[in-house]
Protein backbone atom coordinates (compact mmCIF):
# COMPACT_ATOMS: atom_id res chain seq x y z
CA MET A 1 -39.85 125.65 178.35
CA GLU A 2 -36.35 125.09 177.95
CA ILE A 3 -34.23 124.12 181.11
CA SER A 4 -31.95 126.85 180.96
CA ALA A 5 -35.16 129.51 180.81
CA LEU A 6 -36.51 127.71 183.73
CA LEU A 7 -33.26 128.33 185.50
CA GLU A 8 -33.22 131.76 184.59
CA GLN A 9 -36.68 132.21 185.88
CA ALA A 10 -36.46 130.47 189.12
CA LYS A 11 -33.15 132.69 189.91
CA ASN A 12 -35.41 135.65 189.19
CA VAL A 13 -38.12 134.52 191.25
CA CYS A 14 -35.74 133.73 194.10
CA GLN A 15 -33.93 137.51 193.81
CA GLN A 16 -37.68 139.00 193.92
CA ARG A 17 -38.45 137.04 197.08
CA GLY A 18 -35.22 137.67 198.72
CA VAL A 19 -34.54 133.71 199.09
CA ARG A 20 -31.09 132.19 198.28
CA PHE A 21 -30.76 129.71 195.28
CA THR A 22 -27.93 128.04 196.68
CA PRO A 23 -25.74 125.70 194.36
CA VAL A 24 -27.29 122.92 195.78
CA ARG A 25 -30.72 123.90 195.47
CA GLU A 26 -29.52 124.83 191.76
CA GLN A 27 -28.28 121.50 191.10
CA VAL A 28 -31.66 119.69 192.29
CA PHE A 29 -33.61 121.86 190.14
CA LEU A 30 -31.48 120.99 187.12
CA LEU A 31 -31.48 117.32 187.73
CA LEU A 32 -35.20 117.07 188.01
CA ALA A 33 -35.76 119.59 185.12
CA LYS A 34 -34.16 116.89 183.24
CA HIS A 35 -36.73 114.36 183.84
CA SER A 36 -40.06 114.14 181.95
CA ASN A 37 -41.90 111.89 184.28
CA ALA A 38 -42.08 112.20 188.08
CA VAL A 39 -38.90 111.30 190.05
CA GLY A 40 -38.18 110.09 193.55
CA ALA A 41 -36.01 111.79 195.85
CA TYR A 42 -33.47 108.66 196.11
CA ASP A 43 -33.13 108.50 192.61
CA LEU A 44 -32.41 112.52 192.62
CA LEU A 45 -29.99 111.63 195.33
CA SER A 46 -28.25 109.09 193.41
CA GLU A 47 -27.93 111.74 190.59
CA LEU A 48 -26.73 114.32 192.81
CA GLN A 49 -24.02 112.06 194.31
CA THR A 50 -22.51 111.95 190.96
CA ILE A 51 -21.73 115.65 191.17
CA ASP A 52 -21.64 115.51 195.14
CA PRO A 53 -20.56 112.29 196.74
CA ALA A 54 -21.07 113.72 199.99
CA ALA A 55 -24.59 114.52 199.36
CA LYS A 56 -26.76 112.69 202.01
CA PRO A 57 -30.68 112.22 202.23
CA ALA A 58 -31.11 115.28 204.14
CA THR A 59 -29.51 117.35 201.29
CA ILE A 60 -32.03 116.30 198.71
CA TYR A 61 -34.91 116.62 201.05
CA ARG A 62 -34.09 120.10 202.22
CA ALA A 63 -33.69 121.08 198.73
CA LEU A 64 -36.77 119.62 197.60
CA ASP A 65 -38.62 121.25 200.52
CA PHE A 66 -37.26 124.73 199.29
CA LEU A 67 -38.27 124.24 195.77
CA GLY A 68 -41.66 122.84 196.91
CA GLN A 69 -42.10 126.10 198.96
CA GLN A 70 -41.18 128.39 195.85
CA GLY A 71 -43.59 126.56 193.86
CA PHE A 72 -40.98 125.11 191.18
CA VAL A 73 -41.82 121.73 191.99
CA HIS A 74 -44.87 119.52 192.92
CA LYS A 75 -44.73 116.57 195.27
CA ILE A 76 -47.15 113.66 193.93
CA GLU A 77 -48.22 112.26 197.65
CA SER A 78 -49.48 109.03 196.08
CA ILE A 79 -46.53 108.07 194.42
CA ASN A 80 -43.92 109.80 196.74
CA ALA A 81 -42.24 111.67 193.86
CA PHE A 82 -41.53 115.20 192.58
CA VAL A 83 -42.30 116.82 189.10
CA MET A 84 -41.18 120.02 187.83
CA CYS A 85 -43.66 122.92 187.65
CA HIS A 86 -43.01 124.63 184.24
CA HIS A 87 -45.23 127.62 185.15
CA PHE A 88 -44.08 128.47 188.39
CA SER A 89 -44.59 132.07 188.35
CA ASP A 90 -47.70 131.65 190.14
CA CYS A 91 -46.79 129.41 193.05
CA SER A 92 -50.10 129.51 194.36
CA HIS A 93 -51.95 127.97 191.61
CA PRO A 94 -54.36 125.12 192.04
CA VAL A 95 -52.36 122.05 190.66
CA GLN A 96 -54.24 118.94 189.28
CA LEU A 97 -51.73 116.46 187.91
CA LEU A 98 -52.74 113.37 185.43
CA ILE A 99 -50.49 110.60 186.15
CA CYS A 100 -50.18 107.45 183.85
CA ASP A 101 -49.68 104.35 185.94
CA GLN A 102 -48.27 102.37 183.09
CA CYS A 103 -45.17 104.91 181.94
CA GLY A 104 -45.10 107.20 184.64
CA HIS A 105 -45.82 110.32 182.60
CA VAL A 106 -47.26 113.03 184.62
CA GLU A 107 -49.28 115.97 183.01
CA GLU A 108 -49.99 119.12 184.72
CA ILE A 109 -53.73 120.64 183.93
CA GLN A 110 -55.32 123.76 185.08
CA SER A 111 -59.34 123.54 185.32
CA GLN A 112 -60.76 126.55 186.67
CA ASN A 113 -64.13 124.74 186.68
CA LEU A 114 -62.52 122.00 189.11
CA ASP A 115 -60.75 124.80 191.05
CA LEU A 116 -64.05 126.75 191.29
CA ALA A 117 -66.29 123.50 191.92
CA ILE A 118 -63.77 122.32 195.19
CA ARG A 119 -63.28 126.01 196.47
CA SER A 120 -67.06 126.17 196.62
CA MET A 121 -67.69 122.98 198.36
CA ALA A 122 -64.83 123.90 200.68
CA ASP A 123 -66.46 127.48 201.47
CA ALA A 124 -69.91 125.75 202.07
CA SER A 125 -68.28 123.65 204.68
CA GLY A 126 -66.51 126.71 206.11
CA PHE A 127 -62.98 125.29 204.99
CA ASN A 128 -60.43 127.67 203.84
CA ILE A 129 -57.98 125.79 201.34
CA SER A 130 -54.23 126.81 201.74
CA HIS A 131 -52.92 124.43 198.82
CA GLN A 132 -54.33 122.36 196.32
CA ILE A 133 -53.08 119.28 194.56
CA VAL A 134 -55.61 117.28 192.63
CA GLU A 135 -54.16 113.47 191.45
CA ALA A 136 -55.82 111.59 188.95
CA HIS A 137 -54.32 108.20 188.11
CA GLY A 138 -55.09 106.18 184.92
CA LYS A 139 -53.51 105.60 181.39
CA CYS A 140 -52.28 108.10 179.10
CA GLN A 141 -53.23 108.36 175.67
CA ARG A 142 -49.47 106.97 174.46
CA CYS A 143 -49.95 103.79 176.49
CA PRO A 144 -51.60 100.81 174.66
């Protein structure tokens, strides 16, 4: 999806939810949307500082927290980086990420079978899943 369309969708979602999509949040959203791979918070901070020299680590982390809460981005815990979600109209969807350890490409997939298996096992253990991100590391088809 085109960045301008993603931005409009994000603005609409925020308006529907009654949350503020501040200029800083929008700028971080746009910076992240430009990346096809996962990107770290400090890399985003460096980019933000070219636009807003006063930006501090807290600025980027607050913006990323907001974007994550709205389902616009996913945090990849294993590499401490963030990636844009391109179908965030359903921010509570189960997330499955394929992460290439060679080139850094991240692909989000959706497997209802995997989600069902995890939820079934959780139910059998009396566990209630509130949020789900499955990360799989390996090598993508583009890497030799």
